[in-house]
Amino acid sequence: MASPWIADPASICLRLILSLVLGGIIGFERELNQHAAGFRTNILVCIGSTLIMLLSIYGFNTFVDEPNVRLDPARLAAQVISGIGFLGAGTIIRTGTSVKGLTTAATLWVMAAIGLAVGAGFYFPAILTCGLVFVSLQVLNKVELRYLVANKAHSVHIISAGGTETLGTISEQLLGERIEIKKLNVEDGTVDAAAAREEIESLPPLHITMTVVLPKQTPICKFVERLKAIPSVKAVKVD
C-alpha cells in the first residue's frame, strides 16, 4: 500500500497547474473590472496556497517514522487562512461613508482556500467553488448595480460662497427631488487675509458635508450637475 505521506511528481504538477488555472479564471474577471488584486495576484495567492498545502502534507515525510514526531497536515494551512488577512486588509480603503475593496479582500481569502483545497487533492470542491465565485462576481455584480446601488448612501462635500441661506436652497432642492438627507454638517470657512485687507465685503465660504440617499432613477452625474447649477455653489465632491 502506498504511503499517504508521499506524492508523485505528476500529482504535484497537476495540483499546481490546476491552481494556476483556477486562480487565473477569477483573476481574469477581477482584471477585466480593473480591481487592485487582478490576474497575477489571484494566481500567485492560489499557487502559493497550493504549495504550502503540499508542503504541509508531503514536505516532512522524512520524519514520519521518527518516534517523537506527529505530523499535522492542517497546521500550515491554518496559518495561510489567518495570514491572508494581512494581504486582504491592504486592499480595503475607507473614503467618507464608502468602503472599497471588501470584495477584493474576500476574493483573495477564497482563492487561498481554493489553493489549499487543490493542494490537498480536494479537486471537485475546489473547481466547484471557483465556478461559484466566478458566477457570484459576474452575475451578482450586475444585480447589485441594477437594484442595490440606489439604496447606498453617498457622502457629498459642497463649498458655497454664500451664507446660510445657501443651505436652505440646497435642502429645498434635494427634498424636491426626493433625495433623503441622512446626515448634515456645516462649517464656516475662514476669510482670506488678503481679501480682508482689501476690505472686500463677502461672506466666508461654507463647507457643507452631508450623507444622502439618491432615488433609483437619479444618476450621480445629474445630481452633481444640479448642485453646481446653484449660483452660490463653487465646488461639489461626491464619494
Protein backbone atom coordinates (compact mmCIF):
# COMPACT_ATOMS: atom_id res chain seq x y z
CA MET A 1 0.00 0.00 0.00
CA ALA A 2 1.40 3.37 -1.00
CA SER A 3 2.25 5.78 1.79
CA PRO A 4 -0.26 8.64 2.14
CA TRP A 5 2.65 10.94 3.01
CA ILE A 6 4.36 10.62 -0.37
CA ALA A 7 3.13 12.29 -3.59
CA ASP A 8 4.48 11.51 -7.03
CA PRO A 9 5.77 14.36 -9.23
CA ALA A 10 2.84 14.01 -11.66
CA SER A 11 0.31 14.60 -8.88
CA ILE A 12 2.24 17.62 -7.62
CA CYS A 13 2.40 19.11 -11.14
CA LEU A 14 -1.33 18.51 -11.64
CA ARG A 15 -2.23 20.33 -8.43
CA LEU A 16 0.00 23.34 -9.10
CA ILE A 17 -1.20 23.68 -12.70
CA LEU A 18 -4.85 23.34 -11.64
CA SER A 19 -4.38 26.06 -9.02
CA LEU A 20 -2.85 28.28 -11.72
CA VAL A 21 -5.91 27.72 -13.93
CA LEU A 22 -8.47 28.31 -11.16
CA GLY A 23 -6.61 31.38 -9.89
CA GLY A 24 -6.37 32.68 -13.45
CA ILE A 25 -10.12 32.36 -14.01
CA ILE A 26 -11.00 34.53 -11.02
CA GLY A 27 -8.04 36.83 -11.61
CA PHE A 28 -9.11 37.41 -15.21
CA GLU A 29 -12.56 38.52 -14.03
CA ARG A 30 -11.00 40.87 -11.49
CA GLU A 31 -8.62 42.28 -14.10
CA LEU A 32 -11.46 42.99 -16.53
CA ASN A 33 -13.19 45.06 -13.84
CA GLN A 34 -9.91 46.87 -13.01
CA HIS A 35 -9.63 45.82 -9.38
CA ALA A 36 -6.44 46.17 -7.34
CA ALA A 37 -5.94 42.41 -6.99
CA GLY A 38 -6.10 41.26 -10.58
CA PHE A 39 -4.85 38.43 -12.78
CA ARG A 40 -1.37 37.87 -11.38
CA THR A 41 -2.29 38.50 -7.75
CA ASN A 42 -5.02 35.85 -7.67
CA ILE A 43 -2.81 33.35 -9.47
CA LEU A 44 0.04 33.91 -7.01
CA VAL A 45 -2.27 33.58 -3.99
CA CYS A 46 -3.78 30.34 -5.31
CA ILE A 47 -0.47 28.75 -6.33
CA GLY A 48 1.21 29.83 -3.09
CA SER A 49 -1.59 28.31 -1.01
CA THR A 50 -1.38 25.09 -3.00
CA LEU A 51 2.37 24.88 -2.48
CA ILE A 52 2.03 25.44 1.27
CA MET A 53 -0.63 22.73 1.45
CA LEU A 54 1.64 20.34 -0.45
CA LEU A 55 4.48 21.22 1.89
CA SER A 56 2.27 20.67 4.91
CA ILE A 57 1.19 17.21 3.75
CA TYR A 58 4.24 15.86 1.93
CA GLY A 59 7.15 18.10 2.81
CA PHE A 60 8.02 16.38 6.07
CA ASN A 61 7.61 12.72 5.07
CA THR A 62 11.24 12.09 6.04
CA PHE A 63 10.24 12.34 9.68
CA VAL A 64 7.16 10.07 9.52
CA ASP A 65 8.90 7.14 11.13
CA GLU A 66 10.51 9.14 13.93
CA PRO A 67 9.04 8.04 17.28
CA ASN A 68 8.59 11.53 18.71
CA VAL A 69 7.21 13.20 15.59
CA ARG A 70 3.50 13.64 14.89
CA LEU A 71 2.57 15.13 11.53
CA ASP A 72 -0.32 17.60 11.32
CA PRO A 73 -1.24 18.40 7.69
CA ALA A 74 -3.58 21.20 8.76
CA ARG A 75 -1.01 23.21 10.71
CA LEU A 76 0.46 25.23 7.82
CA ALA A 77 -2.97 25.51 6.17
CA ALA A 78 -4.33 27.25 9.27
CA GLN A 79 -1.51 29.79 9.07
CA VAL A 80 -2.42 30.56 5.45
CA ILE A 81 -6.04 31.27 6.34
CA SER A 82 -5.05 33.73 9.06
CA GLY A 83 -2.07 35.19 7.20
CA ILE A 84 -4.00 36.01 4.02
CA GLY A 85 -5.93 38.55 6.09
CA PHE A 86 -2.94 40.90 6.04
CA LEU A 87 -2.93 40.90 2.24
CA GLY A 88 -6.68 41.41 2.09
CA ALA A 89 -6.59 44.25 4.60
CA GLY A 90 -4.24 46.16 2.30
CA THR A 91 -6.91 46.26 -0.41
CA ILE A 92 -9.60 47.83 1.80
CA ILE A 93 -9.94 51.60 1.53
CA ARG A 94 -12.39 53.76 3.51
CA THR A 95 -13.41 57.06 1.94
CA GLY A 96 -16.07 59.01 3.79
CA THR A 97 -19.06 56.73 4.20
CA SER A 98 -17.96 54.30 1.49
CA VAL A 99 -15.69 51.31 1.97
CA LYS A 100 -13.95 49.91 -1.10
CA GLY A 101 -12.01 46.71 -1.52
CA LEU A 102 -14.08 44.36 0.65
CA THR A 103 -14.97 42.14 -2.32
CA THR A 104 -11.33 42.06 -3.42
CA ALA A 105 -10.22 41.07 0.08
CA ALA A 106 -12.87 38.35 0.25
CA THR A 107 -11.83 37.09 -3.19
CA LEU A 108 -8.21 36.73 -2.07
CA TRP A 109 -9.34 34.84 1.02
CA VAL A 110 -11.43 32.44 -1.08
CA MET A 111 -8.57 31.98 -3.55
CA ALA A 112 -6.33 30.95 -0.67
CA ALA A 113 -8.95 28.40 0.38
CA ILE A 114 -9.22 27.09 -3.19
CA GLY A 115 -5.44 26.75 -3.37
CA LEU A 116 -5.37 24.79 -0.11
CA ALA A 117 -8.13 22.51 -1.39
CA VAL A 118 -6.23 21.82 -4.62
CA GLY A 119 -3.03 21.16 -2.67
CA ALA A 120 -4.88 18.61 -0.53
CA GLY A 121 -6.25 16.86 -3.62
CA PHE A 122 -9.79 18.10 -2.93
CA TYR A 123 -10.36 18.71 -6.65
CA PHE A 124 -14.14 18.71 -7.09
CA PRO A 125 -14.91 21.17 -4.24
CA ALA A 126 -12.08 23.43 -5.44
CA ILE A 127 -13.38 23.52 -9.02
CA LEU A 128 -16.99 23.95 -7.89
CA THR A 129 -16.02 26.78 -5.53
CA CYS A 130 -14.10 28.51 -8.32
CA GLY A 131 -17.18 28.33 -10.54
CA LEU A 132 -19.45 29.66 -7.81
CA VAL A 133 -17.06 32.54 -7.08
CA PHE A 134 -16.87 33.45 -10.77
CA VAL A 135 -20.66 33.43 -11.12
CA SER A 136 -21.04 35.46 -7.93
CA LEU A 137 -18.59 38.13 -9.08
CA GLN A 138 -20.11 38.38 -12.56
CA VAL A 139 -23.85 37.92 -12.04
CA LEU A 140 -24.29 39.37 -8.57
CA ASN A 141 -22.26 42.42 -9.54
CA LYS A 142 -24.80 43.20 -12.27
CA VAL A 143 -27.68 42.61 -9.86
CA GLU A 144 -26.10 44.96 -7.34
CA LEU A 145 -25.53 47.69 -9.91
CA ARG A 146 -29.11 47.45 -11.14
CA TYR A 147 -31.09 47.07 -7.94
CA LEU A 148 -28.96 47.97 -4.91
CA VAL A 149 -26.79 50.97 -5.83
CA ALA A 150 -29.70 53.37 -5.44
CA ASN A 151 -30.05 52.39 -1.77
CA LYS A 152 -26.45 53.23 -0.95
CA ALA A 153 -25.56 56.38 0.93
CA HIS A 154 -23.21 58.90 -0.69
CA SER A 155 -21.04 61.43 1.10
CA VAL A 156 -21.38 64.88 -0.53
CA HIS A 157 -18.96 67.75 0.10
CA ILE A 158 -20.08 71.22 -1.01
CA ILE A 159 -18.20 74.53 -0.88
CA SER A 160 -20.52 77.51 -1.09
CA ALA A 161 -19.65 81.20 -1.36
CA GLY A 162 -22.99 82.28 0.07
CA GLY A 163 -24.26 82.47 3.61
CA THR A 164 -26.57 80.15 5.48
CA GLU A 165 -29.37 80.86 3.03
CA THR A 166 -27.50 78.65 0.56
CA LEU A 167 -28.05 75.72 2.89
CA GLY A 168 -31.79 76.32 2.69
CA THR A 169 -31.65 76.46 -1.11
CA ILE A 170 -29.72 73.19 -1.29
CA SER A 171 -32.02 71.46 1.18
CA GLU A 172 -35.15 72.56 -0.69
CA GLN A 173 -33.74 71.28 -3.98
CA LEU A 174 -32.77 67.92 -2.52
CA LEU A 175 -36.12 67.42 -0.82
CA GLY A 176 -37.91 68.47 -4.01
CA GLU A 177 -36.08 65.70 -5.87
CA ARG A 178 -36.91 63.17 -3.13
CA ILE A 179 -33.28 62.87 -2.10
CA GLU A 180 -33.06 61.73 1.51
CA ILE A 181 -30.60 63.56 3.76
CA LYS A 182 -29.17 61.22 6.40
CA LYS A 183 -26.53 63.47 7.98
CA LEU A 184 -25.63 67.13 7.67
CA ASN A 185 -22.60 69.08 8.87
CA VAL A 186 -21.90 72.77 8.18
CA GLU A 187 -18.63 74.59 8.89
CA ASP A 188 -17.81 78.25 8.31
CA GLY A 189 -14.72 78.83 6.22
CA THR A 190 -12.10 81.37 7.12
CA VAL A 191 -11.94 84.73 5.41
CA ASP A 192 -8.86 85.14 3.22
CA ALA A 193 -6.37 87.57 4.78
CA ALA A 194 -5.69 89.41 1.52
CA ALA A 195 -9.40 89.88 0.96
CA ALA A 196 -9.76 91.25 4.49
CA ARG A 197 -7.03 93.83 3.88
CA GLU A 198 -8.76 94.96 0.74
CA GLU A 199 -12.00 95.23 2.75
CA ILE A 200 -13.97 93.12 0.28
CA GLU A 201 -17.45 92.67 1.66
CA SER A 202 -18.01 88.98 1.11
CA LEU A 203 -19.25 86.18 3.29
CA PRO A 204 -16.84 83.41 4.28
CA PRO A 205 -17.37 80.15 2.36
CA LEU A 206 -19.49 77.41 3.83
CA HIS A 207 -18.21 73.85 3.89
CA ILE A 208 -21.23 71.57 3.80
CA THR A 209 -20.89 67.82 4.29
CA MET A 210 -23.95 65.63 4.02
CA THR A 211 -24.84 61.99 3.61
CA VAL A 212 -27.63 61.44 1.11
CA VAL A 213 -29.52 58.55 -0.46
CA LEU A 214 -30.43 59.10 -4.11
CA PRO A 215 -33.65 57.85 -5.71
CA LYS A 216 -33.31 54.86 -8.01
CA GLN A 217 -33.64 56.89 -11.22
CA THR A 218 -31.20 59.68 -10.23
CA PRO A 219 -27.68 59.29 -11.70
CA ILE A 220 -24.87 60.75 -9.63
CA CYS A 221 -23.62 62.88 -12.52
CA LYS A 222 -27.03 64.55 -12.92
CA PHE A 223 -27.20 65.10 -9.18
CA VAL A 224 -23.81 66.87 -9.20
CA GLU A 225 -24.78 69.00 -12.21
CA ARG A 226 -27.93 70.27 -10.50
CA LEU A 227 -25.99 71.16 -7.35
CA LYS A 228 -23.39 73.06 -9.36
CA ALA A 229 -26.18 74.96 -11.09
CA ILE A 230 -26.96 76.74 -7.82
CA PRO A 231 -25.21 80.16 -8.18
CA SER A 232 -23.53 80.20 -4.78
CA VAL A 233 -22.17 76.63 -5.02
CA LYS A 234 -18.49 76.69 -6.04
CA ALA A 235 -17.44 73.02 -5.71
CA VAL A 236 -19.12 69.64 -5.28
CA LYS A 237 -17.49 66.32 -4.45
CA VAL A 238 -19.32 63.00 -4.09
CA ASP A 239 -17.76 59.89 -2.53
